[in-house]
Amino acid sequence: MRVVGRRGLLAAVAVVVALVVACTAAVAAGVWTDPGSDSGSDAATSPATGETSQSADAGADGYRFLSSPDFMNADVADLSGLPGFRRGTPNSWNRSYARAVRTVMDGFAAERPDDVLVAGDLVNGHWGDKPSRVFGPTDTARQKRQAISRAARAYYPAWRRLFAQRDLDVHVAVGDHEIGDNDWRGSARKDAKRRNVTHFKREFARYGLRPGRYSDRPEGPARSTAYATRLSPEVQLVTVDVFRRTGNDVLPELDSQQLRWLDGVLARAEADDVDWIIVQGHTPVLGPVRTTSSSGLMYRGGARSAFWRTLVRHDVDLYLSGEVHDITARREGGVTQISHGGIFTHANRRGRGGTNYLVGQVDGDELALTSRRFLVESSRTGRRLWQATGKGRPPLSKRFDPVPALVGRMTLTSDGRVLQRSGVLDEYVPSRG
């Protein structure tokens, strides 16, 4: 159980004893090497760590989650079943994407998680920008809202079915692409997106979340998009909405009512002696972090923000974020932030992007974190998959290596310490120049 204060004498003694026992056993058994180091064709060597990747550890006891923000960060779904779809109507689906989606989803399922967390950017979300044969005209404000609703009704249920078909329970947060993509001021198109933020969020809650599933929610503008739930008796999840609309902008921060609610949820989790507290939101708070094909949107105020101070005050263990399409682990005030995830449809010249994910294995007082990346190849023909807008259309074909490379490890203790870090989860030192 979580020790109140975390740094008390009894906790320190317990940790020392546990470490001595664990180290003695590990040396005797020789288990400081990667568990897949003697694997055959089912393992792939990671260039970042020299370790190997396989799902043999997926059967371990305890609670297990998988996190992959920004999955997919694109409008990828078979639209041929929509009313009125005719031969020649644009479709954001083909055989190549069917194979690519199956490869990644089967990789997720092979990890055998109890829950899947996705901290935003399920879709591309540039809905209502331009007219299309699929979602209708966008000349008036009413037509824009109708186009947004039609797209949400098409893409979110298709996205969720990918997980339901594999019996994966998924918990999602709202990202900037769920509300049209940042930014939201400076032109008539951007202003229209800002005015429709509430409508975007309502459709996300209606089709992206399961209505009525979560009872613990804040009052105010984030009531439909933020929630808290116990994933297990010893694991508390809080999902926050980090997008606050103002009169002329959308700011990456919690509204005051949501912040008060968060404080209360975390206080109750502490009072219940919950061992592990996880918060997920779309934007990183601590910087700098690695970025790949990202605007680099960050939470307003960083470590000085009331949000981060609340996490620190309540001994939150892990903050999971997306947005940046790359992987970085940072710590401040005893709270670990892991920004990760990718762009399913894109990869840059270094092969970054695509999809990466984090597996968390809870066993008593330890949380073992493993980061893996699917290597991806895109077509170079210049042909593009259809999206609801001309902006950011992905390559027409994709291919993922079916064995994701192991690129980092990290182990946390329930009293707020780090036992090991490697690869991309090691301490990040930004390069100069």
Protein backbone atom coordinates (compact mmCIF):
# COMPACT_ATOMS: atom_id res chain seq x y z
CA MET A 1 0.00 0.00 0.00
CA ARG A 2 1.06 3.62 -0.52
CA VAL A 3 2.97 4.89 2.54
CA VAL A 4 1.63 8.28 3.63
CA GLY A 5 4.33 10.92 3.15
CA ARG A 6 6.41 8.52 1.08
CA ARG A 7 9.64 9.58 2.74
CA GLY A 8 8.96 8.30 6.23
CA LEU A 9 11.44 6.17 8.13
CA LEU A 10 9.42 2.96 7.78
CA ALA A 11 9.18 3.41 4.01
CA ALA A 12 12.92 3.96 3.70
CA VAL A 13 13.71 0.85 5.73
CA ALA A 14 11.26 -1.23 3.70
CA VAL A 15 12.76 -0.06 0.42
CA VAL A 16 16.32 -0.81 1.52
CA VAL A 17 15.37 -4.31 2.63
CA ALA A 18 13.45 -4.94 -0.60
CA LEU A 19 16.35 -3.74 -2.73
CA VAL A 20 18.88 -5.90 -0.93
CA VAL A 21 16.69 -8.98 -1.36
CA ALA A 22 15.93 -8.17 -5.01
CA CYS A 23 19.54 -7.46 -5.92
CA THR A 24 20.76 -10.65 -4.25
CA ALA A 25 18.16 -12.72 -6.06
CA ALA A 26 18.81 -10.99 -9.38
CA VAL A 27 22.56 -11.54 -9.25
CA ALA A 28 22.07 -15.18 -8.33
CA ALA A 29 19.56 -15.76 -11.12
CA GLY A 30 21.24 -13.52 -13.71
CA VAL A 31 18.01 -11.64 -14.54
CA TRP A 32 19.42 -8.15 -15.14
CA THR A 33 19.47 -8.99 -18.86
CA ASP A 34 16.47 -8.47 -21.12
CA PRO A 35 14.02 -11.41 -20.82
CA GLY A 36 13.97 -11.80 -24.60
CA SER A 37 17.76 -11.89 -25.07
CA ASP A 38 17.80 -15.57 -25.99
CA SER A 39 14.75 -15.41 -28.25
CA GLY A 40 14.59 -16.63 -31.81
CA SER A 41 12.66 -15.25 -34.76
CA ASP A 42 10.02 -13.56 -32.56
CA ALA A 43 12.47 -10.95 -31.22
CA ALA A 44 13.75 -7.74 -32.82
CA THR A 45 16.90 -5.98 -31.63
CA SER A 46 16.52 -2.32 -30.74
CA PRO A 47 19.24 0.04 -31.98
CA ALA A 48 18.57 2.34 -29.05
CA THR A 49 19.15 -0.14 -26.24
CA GLY A 50 20.63 -3.28 -27.77
CA GLU A 51 17.79 -5.14 -26.09
CA THR A 52 15.24 -7.40 -27.75
CA SER A 53 11.49 -7.22 -27.95
CA GLN A 54 8.96 -9.98 -27.53
CA SER A 55 5.68 -10.42 -25.67
CA ALA A 56 6.78 -13.32 -23.45
CA ASP A 57 6.52 -11.08 -20.37
CA ALA A 58 2.88 -10.29 -21.15
CA GLY A 59 1.66 -13.11 -18.96
CA ALA A 60 3.11 -11.73 -15.74
CA ASP A 61 0.83 -11.48 -12.72
CA GLY A 62 -0.43 -8.14 -11.42
CA TYR A 63 -2.08 -5.26 -13.23
CA ARG A 64 -0.96 -4.38 -16.78
CA PHE A 65 -1.77 -1.40 -19.02
CA LEU A 66 -0.73 -0.21 -22.46
CA SER A 67 -0.53 3.48 -23.39
CA SER A 68 -0.34 4.84 -26.94
CA PRO A 69 -1.34 8.50 -27.34
CA ASP A 70 -1.95 9.93 -30.82
CA PHE A 71 -3.22 6.61 -32.13
CA MET A 72 -4.01 7.21 -34.95
CA ASN A 73 -3.85 10.99 -35.36
CA ALA A 74 -5.49 10.44 -38.75
CA ASP A 75 -8.90 9.72 -40.24
CA VAL A 76 -8.45 6.06 -41.10
CA ALA A 77 -11.63 4.02 -41.52
CA ASP A 78 -13.65 2.22 -44.16
CA LEU A 79 -16.43 4.63 -45.15
CA SER A 80 -18.03 2.35 -47.73
CA GLY A 81 -20.85 1.47 -45.32
CA LEU A 82 -22.01 5.08 -44.97
CA PRO A 83 -25.48 5.94 -46.30
CA GLY A 84 -25.20 7.23 -49.83
CA PHE A 85 -21.70 5.88 -50.44
CA ARG A 86 -21.28 5.10 -54.14
CA ARG A 87 -18.53 3.74 -56.32
CA GLY A 88 -15.97 6.49 -56.79
CA THR A 89 -16.76 8.21 -53.47
CA PRO A 90 -13.50 8.99 -51.61
CA ASN A 91 -12.56 6.48 -48.92
CA SER A 92 -9.90 6.74 -46.22
CA TRP A 93 -9.17 3.00 -46.31
CA ASN A 94 -7.47 0.47 -48.56
CA ARG A 95 -5.81 -2.95 -48.37
CA SER A 96 -2.48 -1.49 -47.31
CA TYR A 97 -4.02 0.35 -44.36
CA ALA A 98 -6.09 -2.69 -43.43
CA ARG A 99 -2.87 -4.72 -43.12
CA ALA A 100 -1.05 -1.92 -41.27
CA VAL A 101 -3.88 -1.43 -38.77
CA ARG A 102 -4.09 -5.19 -38.20
CA THR A 103 -0.34 -5.39 -37.56
CA VAL A 104 -0.37 -2.68 -34.88
CA MET A 105 -3.61 -3.78 -33.25
CA ASP A 106 -2.42 -7.38 -33.08
CA GLY A 107 0.78 -6.07 -31.47
CA PHE A 108 -1.29 -4.26 -28.85
CA ALA A 109 -3.34 -7.38 -28.18
CA ALA A 110 -0.23 -9.56 -27.89
CA GLU A 111 0.81 -7.50 -24.84
CA ARG A 112 -2.37 -8.69 -23.10
CA PRO A 113 -3.08 -5.44 -21.23
CA ASP A 114 -5.92 -5.12 -18.75
CA ASP A 115 -6.56 -1.62 -20.12
CA VAL A 116 -5.40 0.60 -22.98
CA LEU A 117 -4.88 4.35 -22.48
CA VAL A 118 -4.88 6.82 -25.39
CA ALA A 119 -4.16 10.41 -24.40
CA GLY A 120 -5.79 12.12 -27.35
CA ASP A 121 -5.54 12.53 -31.13
CA LEU A 122 -7.54 9.50 -32.16
CA VAL A 123 -8.39 11.23 -35.45
CA ASN A 124 -7.20 13.94 -37.81
CA GLY A 125 -10.28 16.03 -37.09
CA HIS A 126 -10.02 18.69 -39.78
CA TRP A 127 -13.76 18.38 -40.13
CA GLY A 128 -15.94 21.21 -41.35
CA ASP A 129 -13.03 22.96 -43.05
CA LYS A 130 -13.95 22.09 -46.62
CA PRO A 131 -16.96 20.57 -48.38
CA SER A 132 -16.79 16.93 -49.43
CA ARG A 133 -18.93 14.32 -51.14
CA VAL A 134 -18.75 12.25 -47.96
CA PHE A 135 -19.64 14.72 -45.18
CA GLY A 136 -21.46 17.44 -47.09
CA PRO A 137 -21.15 21.20 -47.64
CA THR A 138 -19.48 23.58 -45.17
CA ASP A 139 -20.60 26.99 -46.39
CA THR A 140 -22.65 27.96 -43.32
CA ALA A 141 -22.08 27.56 -39.59
CA ARG A 142 -24.86 24.96 -39.45
CA GLN A 143 -23.35 23.00 -42.34
CA LYS A 144 -19.94 23.01 -40.62
CA ARG A 145 -21.47 21.52 -37.46
CA GLN A 146 -23.30 18.91 -39.51
CA ALA A 147 -20.08 17.93 -41.29
CA ILE A 148 -18.30 17.61 -37.93
CA SER A 149 -21.09 15.39 -36.61
CA ARG A 150 -21.11 13.16 -39.69
CA ALA A 151 -17.35 12.67 -39.53
CA ALA A 152 -17.43 11.94 -35.79
CA ARG A 153 -20.20 9.39 -36.35
CA ALA A 154 -18.07 7.70 -39.03
CA TYR A 155 -14.59 7.69 -37.53
CA TYR A 156 -14.92 7.31 -33.73
CA PRO A 157 -17.04 4.13 -33.71
CA ALA A 158 -14.77 2.57 -36.35
CA TRP A 159 -11.76 3.42 -34.17
CA ARG A 160 -13.33 1.92 -31.07
CA ARG A 161 -14.30 -1.27 -32.92
CA LEU A 162 -10.62 -2.01 -33.52
CA PHE A 163 -10.20 -2.42 -29.77
CA ALA A 164 -13.54 -4.12 -29.12
CA GLN A 165 -12.78 -6.77 -31.74
CA ARG A 166 -9.69 -7.72 -29.72
CA ASP A 167 -11.42 -7.44 -26.34
CA LEU A 168 -9.26 -4.45 -25.36
CA ASP A 169 -10.77 -1.98 -22.90
CA VAL A 170 -9.71 1.52 -23.97
CA HIS A 171 -9.80 4.83 -22.03
CA VAL A 172 -9.25 7.97 -24.09
CA ALA A 173 -8.54 11.67 -23.57
CA VAL A 174 -9.42 14.59 -25.81
CA GLY A 175 -6.56 15.89 -27.97
CA ASP A 176 -6.22 18.98 -30.13
CA HIS A 177 -7.20 16.99 -33.23
CA GLU A 178 -10.49 16.07 -31.56
CA ILE A 179 -11.24 19.82 -31.59
CA GLY A 180 -10.05 20.62 -35.10
CA ASP A 181 -6.26 20.75 -34.50
CA ASN A 182 -4.32 23.71 -33.13
CA ASP A 183 -4.27 26.61 -33.54
CA TRP A 184 -7.60 28.36 -33.14
CA ARG A 185 -7.08 32.04 -33.96
CA GLY A 186 -5.80 34.26 -36.77
CA SER A 187 -8.10 33.45 -39.71
CA ALA A 188 -11.77 32.90 -40.45
CA ARG A 189 -11.19 29.13 -40.66
CA LYS A 190 -9.40 29.03 -37.31
CA ASP A 191 -11.98 31.25 -35.66
CA ALA A 192 -14.70 28.89 -36.90
CA LYS A 193 -12.88 25.96 -35.31
CA ARG A 194 -12.68 27.83 -32.00
CA ARG A 195 -16.38 28.65 -32.08
CA ASN A 196 -17.09 24.95 -32.65
CA VAL A 197 -14.86 23.62 -29.85
CA THR A 198 -17.85 22.83 -27.65
CA HIS A 199 -19.52 21.00 -30.54
CA PHE A 200 -16.30 19.10 -31.33
CA LYS A 201 -16.05 18.00 -27.68
CA ARG A 202 -19.71 17.01 -27.53
CA GLU A 203 -19.32 14.74 -30.56
CA PHE A 204 -16.09 13.27 -29.16
CA ALA A 205 -17.88 12.49 -25.89
CA ARG A 206 -20.83 11.01 -27.76
CA TYR A 207 -18.92 8.75 -30.14
CA GLY A 208 -15.32 8.58 -28.85
CA LEU A 209 -16.19 7.94 -25.21
CA ARG A 210 -18.89 5.59 -24.08
CA PRO A 211 -21.74 7.75 -22.71
CA GLY A 212 -22.58 7.00 -19.10
CA ARG A 213 -19.52 4.84 -18.53
CA TYR A 214 -17.71 7.15 -16.10
CA SER A 215 -19.59 8.59 -13.14
CA ASP A 216 -16.77 10.58 -11.54
CA ARG A 217 -16.59 13.80 -13.59
CA PRO A 218 -16.03 17.50 -12.95
CA GLU A 219 -18.65 20.18 -13.23
CA GLY A 220 -18.20 22.87 -15.85
CA PRO A 221 -16.92 22.82 -19.44
CA ALA A 222 -14.94 19.57 -19.03
CA ARG A 223 -17.86 17.53 -17.68
CA SER A 224 -18.17 15.45 -20.85
CA THR A 225 -14.43 15.00 -21.51
CA ALA A 226 -12.69 14.52 -18.12
CA TYR A 227 -13.23 11.58 -15.81
CA ALA A 228 -11.72 9.44 -13.05
CA THR A 229 -11.93 5.69 -12.60
CA ARG A 230 -10.25 2.90 -10.64
CA LEU A 231 -8.65 0.58 -13.16
CA SER A 232 -8.00 -1.84 -10.32
CA PRO A 233 -8.30 -1.51 -6.54
CA GLU A 234 -4.72 -0.21 -6.44
CA VAL A 235 -4.60 1.82 -9.67
CA GLN A 236 -6.35 5.19 -10.02
CA LEU A 237 -6.69 6.77 -13.47
CA VAL A 238 -7.60 10.41 -13.98
CA THR A 239 -8.12 11.66 -17.53
CA VAL A 240 -8.04 15.44 -17.93
CA ASP A 241 -9.14 17.83 -20.66
CA VAL A 242 -6.22 20.22 -21.17
CA PHE A 243 -8.04 22.55 -23.60
CA ARG A 244 -9.81 25.63 -22.20
CA ARG A 245 -11.66 27.84 -24.65
CA THR A 246 -11.56 31.60 -24.11
CA GLY A 247 -13.18 34.43 -26.02
CA ASN A 248 -10.50 34.50 -28.71
CA ASP A 249 -8.35 31.40 -28.26
CA VAL A 250 -8.04 27.87 -26.88
CA LEU A 251 -5.43 27.60 -24.13
CA PRO A 252 -3.65 24.37 -23.11
CA GLU A 253 -4.69 24.34 -19.47
CA LEU A 254 -7.39 23.01 -17.15
CA ASP A 255 -10.36 25.19 -16.29
CA SER A 256 -10.76 26.11 -12.61
CA GLN A 257 -13.67 23.72 -11.96
CA GLN A 258 -11.76 20.79 -13.41
CA LEU A 259 -8.71 21.68 -11.35
CA ARG A 260 -10.74 21.68 -8.12
CA TRP A 261 -12.28 18.34 -9.08
CA LEU A 262 -8.84 16.88 -9.81
CA ASP A 263 -7.62 17.97 -6.38
CA GLY A 264 -10.54 16.17 -4.77
CA VAL A 265 -10.13 12.97 -6.80
CA LEU A 266 -6.44 12.73 -5.94
CA ALA A 267 -7.13 13.43 -2.26
CA ARG A 268 -9.65 10.57 -2.15
CA ALA A 269 -7.20 8.22 -3.82
CA GLU A 270 -4.59 9.09 -1.19
CA ALA A 271 -7.13 8.62 1.61
CA ASP A 272 -7.95 5.18 0.19
CA ASP A 273 -4.23 4.28 0.17
CA VAL A 274 -4.28 3.58 -3.57
CA ASP A 275 -0.81 2.41 -4.53
CA TRP A 276 -0.58 3.89 -8.03
CA ILE A 277 -2.04 7.12 -9.38
CA ILE A 278 -1.89 7.75 -13.14
CA VAL A 279 -3.04 10.95 -14.84
CA GLN A 280 -3.33 11.25 -18.62
CA GLY A 281 -3.73 14.43 -20.67
CA HIS A 282 -2.82 15.32 -24.20
CA THR A 283 -0.03 17.88 -23.85
CA PRO A 284 3.31 17.49 -22.05
CA VAL A 285 3.81 19.75 -19.05
CA LEU A 286 7.56 19.39 -18.50
CA GLY A 287 9.93 20.38 -21.28
CA PRO A 288 11.94 20.20 -23.32
CA VAL A 289 10.96 16.88 -24.89
CA ARG A 290 11.76 15.12 -28.15
CA THR A 291 9.40 15.98 -31.01
CA THR A 292 8.72 14.46 -34.43
CA SER A 293 6.44 16.21 -36.94
CA SER A 294 4.69 18.08 -34.12
CA SER A 295 3.72 21.65 -33.33
CA GLY A 296 5.23 21.02 -29.89
CA LEU A 297 2.17 22.25 -28.01
CA MET A 298 2.93 22.33 -24.26
CA TYR A 299 0.82 22.83 -21.15
CA ARG A 300 0.69 26.48 -20.13
CA GLY A 301 2.95 27.29 -17.17
CA GLY A 302 4.84 24.01 -17.16
CA ALA A 303 6.09 22.83 -13.77
CA ARG A 304 4.95 26.11 -12.20
CA SER A 305 1.35 25.55 -13.25
CA ALA A 306 -1.36 24.86 -10.70
CA PHE A 307 -1.97 21.57 -12.53
CA TRP A 308 1.54 20.22 -12.03
CA ARG A 309 1.72 21.50 -8.46
CA THR A 310 -1.49 19.57 -7.78
CA LEU A 311 0.06 16.37 -9.14
CA VAL A 312 3.15 16.88 -6.98
CA ARG A 313 1.15 17.69 -3.85
CA HIS A 314 -0.81 14.44 -4.15
CA ASP A 315 2.17 12.19 -4.96
CA VAL A 316 0.96 11.25 -8.44
CA ASP A 317 3.17 8.53 -9.86
CA LEU A 318 2.82 8.96 -13.61
CA TYR A 319 1.60 11.60 -16.05
CA LEU A 320 1.10 10.25 -19.59
CA SER A 321 0.90 12.68 -22.50
CA GLY A 322 1.06 12.67 -26.28
CA GLU A 323 1.15 15.46 -28.90
CA VAL A 324 4.89 15.33 -29.67
CA HIS A 325 4.98 11.98 -31.57
CA ASP A 326 8.20 10.90 -29.93
CA ILE A 327 9.31 9.50 -26.56
CA THR A 328 10.76 11.34 -23.56
CA ALA A 329 10.68 10.65 -19.82
CA ARG A 330 11.10 13.58 -17.42
CA ARG A 331 10.68 13.97 -13.66
CA GLU A 332 9.88 16.95 -11.49
CA GLY A 333 8.77 16.99 -7.86
CA GLY A 334 8.68 13.19 -7.70
CA VAL A 335 6.19 12.89 -10.59
CA THR A 336 7.26 11.10 -13.77
CA GLN A 337 6.03 12.45 -17.11
CA ILE A 338 6.27 10.22 -20.18
CA SER A 339 5.38 11.91 -23.45
CA HIS A 340 5.04 9.36 -26.22
CA GLY A 341 2.88 8.09 -29.05
CA GLY A 342 3.22 8.76 -32.77
CA ILE A 343 1.56 9.49 -36.08
CA PHE A 344 0.26 6.22 -37.46
CA THR A 345 0.22 7.45 -41.05
CA HIS A 346 3.58 9.25 -41.21
CA ALA A 347 7.27 8.56 -40.74
CA ASN A 348 10.17 10.97 -41.23
CA ARG A 349 13.53 10.29 -42.83
CA ARG A 350 14.85 8.73 -39.63
CA GLY A 351 11.97 6.28 -39.55
CA ARG A 352 10.44 8.05 -36.54
CA GLY A 353 6.73 8.55 -36.26
CA GLY A 354 4.45 5.66 -37.01
CA THR A 355 3.30 4.22 -33.67
CA ASN A 356 5.01 3.63 -30.35
CA TYR A 357 3.54 2.45 -27.09
CA LEU A 358 4.30 2.03 -23.41
CA VAL A 359 3.50 -1.05 -21.34
CA GLY A 360 3.19 -0.67 -17.57
CA GLN A 361 3.36 -3.77 -15.38
CA VAL A 362 2.29 -3.24 -11.77
CA ASP A 363 3.59 -5.81 -9.31
CA GLY A 364 3.14 -4.70 -5.73
CA ASP A 365 5.38 -1.75 -4.97
CA GLU A 366 6.99 -1.60 -8.42
CA LEU A 367 5.81 -0.34 -11.79
CA ALA A 368 7.93 -1.63 -14.69
CA LEU A 369 7.62 0.51 -17.84
CA THR A 370 8.63 -0.75 -21.27
CA SER A 371 8.66 1.44 -24.39
CA ARG A 372 8.37 -0.13 -27.85
CA ARG A 373 8.30 1.32 -31.36
CA PHE A 374 6.88 -0.12 -34.57
CA LEU A 375 9.23 0.50 -37.47
CA VAL A 376 7.26 1.88 -40.41
CA GLU A 377 7.70 2.32 -44.13
CA SER A 378 5.56 4.60 -46.30
CA SER A 379 5.02 4.67 -50.03
CA ARG A 380 7.17 7.21 -51.87
CA THR A 381 4.88 7.64 -54.88
CA GLY A 382 3.38 10.91 -53.70
CA ARG A 383 -0.16 9.50 -53.88
CA ARG A 384 -2.26 10.21 -50.79
CA LEU A 385 -5.03 8.61 -48.76
CA TRP A 386 -8.23 10.65 -48.73
CA GLN A 387 -9.00 12.78 -45.68
CA ALA A 388 -11.81 15.26 -45.09
CA THR A 389 -9.46 18.14 -45.88
CA GLY A 390 -6.53 18.59 -48.23
CA LYS A 391 -4.19 19.31 -45.32
CA GLY A 392 -1.91 16.54 -44.08
CA ARG A 393 -3.18 13.72 -46.25
CA PRO A 394 -1.11 10.59 -45.47
CA PRO A 395 0.74 8.35 -47.93
CA LEU A 396 -1.45 5.92 -49.83
CA SER A 397 0.25 2.82 -48.44
CA LYS A 398 1.90 1.81 -45.15
CA ARG A 399 3.86 -1.13 -43.86
CA PHE A 400 4.76 -1.85 -40.22
CA ASP A 401 7.32 -4.35 -39.04
CA PRO A 402 5.18 -6.83 -37.06
CA VAL A 403 7.72 -7.03 -34.20
CA PRO A 404 8.03 -3.71 -32.35
CA ALA A 405 11.53 -2.78 -31.24
CA LEU A 406 12.20 -2.38 -27.53
CA VAL A 407 13.58 1.14 -27.13
CA GLY A 408 13.51 1.88 -23.40
CA ARG A 409 12.84 0.68 -19.86
CA MET A 410 12.10 2.35 -16.55
CA THR A 411 11.06 1.06 -13.12
CA LEU A 412 9.26 3.18 -10.55
CA THR A 413 8.55 2.39 -6.91
CA SER A 414 5.35 3.30 -5.08
CA ASP A 415 7.35 5.54 -2.71
CA GLY A 416 8.35 7.75 -5.63
CA ARG A 417 11.79 6.49 -6.63
CA VAL A 418 13.35 5.26 -9.86
CA LEU A 419 15.22 1.95 -9.82
CA GLN A 420 16.41 1.89 -13.43
CA ARG A 421 16.22 3.82 -16.71
CA SER A 422 17.47 2.94 -20.19
CA GLY A 423 17.11 3.90 -23.84
CA VAL A 424 14.58 6.61 -24.63
CA LEU A 425 13.30 6.49 -21.03
CA ASP A 426 16.72 7.45 -19.70
CA GLU A 427 17.28 11.05 -18.60
CA TYR A 428 16.85 13.34 -21.59
CA VAL A 429 19.67 15.76 -22.42
CA PRO A 430 18.72 17.96 -25.43
CA SER A 431 21.38 18.16 -28.11
CA ARG A 432 22.89 21.54 -28.89
CA GLY A 433 22.99 23.03 -32.35
